[in-house]
Amino acid sequence: MKPVPERIVTGLENARQRATRSGLAIGRPRVILDRDRVSELRASGLSWREIARRLGAGVGTVRRAFKAGASVTKACQNPVVGEL
């Protein structure tokens, strides 16, 4: 059996300390999105893609925020959109 290279052992130790397998953060970071801003940009005639690019979010996230924005208060419990 071959000995494990030192760099692999070091990487595994770092991953164990950070409680991950790869050493990277677990899960996707939450997007914080201003629903009022989405509504303003949409009212000004911008496309969903352009709004998403300006706000640094996905098109689906922007459309969901716009759709939910009319009936939900600013303090949203939706984990995709996040709290404002």
Protein backbone atom coordinates (compact mmCIF):
# COMPACT_ATOMS: atom_id res chain seq x y z
CA MET A 1 0.00 0.00 0.00
CA LYS A 2 1.29 3.46 -0.98
CA PRO A 3 1.82 6.11 1.69
CA VAL A 4 -0.60 9.06 1.52
CA PRO A 5 1.11 12.28 0.40
CA GLU A 6 1.53 14.94 3.07
CA ARG A 7 -0.49 17.54 1.12
CA ILE A 8 -3.52 15.21 1.11
CA VAL A 9 -3.26 14.57 4.84
CA THR A 10 -3.00 18.32 5.48
CA GLY A 11 -6.03 19.01 3.30
CA LEU A 12 -8.11 16.36 5.06
CA GLU A 13 -7.16 17.77 8.46
CA ASN A 14 -8.22 21.27 7.37
CA ALA A 15 -11.51 19.90 6.07
CA ARG A 16 -12.19 18.11 9.37
CA GLN A 17 -11.53 21.30 11.33
CA ARG A 18 -14.00 23.20 9.16
CA ALA A 19 -16.54 20.35 9.32
CA THR A 20 -16.64 19.82 5.56
CA ARG A 21 -15.45 17.11 3.26
CA SER A 22 -13.93 19.40 0.67
CA GLY A 23 -12.92 22.26 2.94
CA LEU A 24 -15.45 24.53 1.21
CA ALA A 25 -18.45 26.08 2.92
CA ILE A 26 -21.54 23.89 3.08
CA GLY A 27 -24.53 25.11 1.08
CA ARG A 28 -25.18 28.10 -1.08
CA PRO A 29 -25.01 31.61 0.39
CA ARG A 30 -28.36 33.33 0.77
CA VAL A 31 -29.22 36.13 -1.62
CA ILE A 32 -30.38 39.37 -0.04
CA LEU A 33 -32.68 41.08 -2.47
CA ASP A 34 -34.62 44.34 -2.23
CA ARG A 35 -38.12 43.60 -3.55
CA ASP A 36 -38.97 47.27 -3.84
CA ARG A 37 -35.95 47.77 -6.09
CA VAL A 38 -37.07 44.85 -8.28
CA SER A 39 -40.49 46.47 -8.66
CA GLU A 40 -38.94 49.85 -9.49
CA LEU A 41 -36.64 48.40 -12.14
CA ARG A 42 -39.44 46.34 -13.68
CA ALA A 43 -41.73 49.38 -13.78
CA SER A 44 -39.00 51.32 -15.60
CA GLY A 45 -39.17 48.74 -18.40
CA LEU A 46 -36.06 46.63 -17.77
CA SER A 47 -36.01 42.95 -18.68
CA TRP A 48 -35.83 40.23 -16.03
CA ARG A 49 -32.31 39.40 -17.16
CA GLU A 50 -31.13 43.00 -16.85
CA ILE A 51 -32.71 43.36 -13.40
CA ALA A 52 -31.04 40.13 -12.27
CA ARG A 53 -27.67 41.30 -13.60
CA ARG A 54 -27.92 44.67 -11.81
CA LEU A 55 -28.92 43.11 -8.49
CA GLY A 56 -26.49 40.17 -8.66
CA ALA A 57 -29.17 37.49 -8.45
CA GLY A 58 -30.65 34.87 -10.72
CA VAL A 59 -33.56 35.55 -13.05
CA GLY A 60 -35.76 33.06 -11.20
CA THR A 61 -34.97 34.67 -7.86
CA VAL A 62 -35.84 38.11 -9.22
CA ARG A 63 -39.13 36.91 -10.73
CA ARG A 64 -40.07 35.11 -7.49
CA ALA A 65 -39.30 38.24 -5.47
CA PHE A 66 -41.41 40.36 -7.82
CA LYS A 67 -44.34 37.96 -7.70
CA ALA A 68 -44.22 37.67 -3.90
CA GLY A 69 -43.51 41.37 -3.36
CA ALA A 70 -47.09 42.48 -3.86
CA SER A 71 -48.53 40.27 -1.12
CA VAL A 72 -45.69 39.88 1.40
CA THR A 73 -44.21 42.45 3.76
CA LYS A 74 -40.54 43.44 3.64
CA ALA A 75 -39.55 41.06 6.47
CA CYS A 76 -39.80 37.94 4.35
CA GLN A 77 -39.47 34.40 5.64
CA ASN A 78 -38.61 33.04 2.17
CA PRO A 79 -35.07 31.61 2.47
CA VAL A 80 -34.34 32.21 -1.21
CA VAL A 81 -34.96 35.93 -1.02
CA GLY A 82 -33.75 36.54 2.55
CA GLU A 83 -34.56 39.32 4.94
CA LEU A 84 -34.12 42.94 3.98
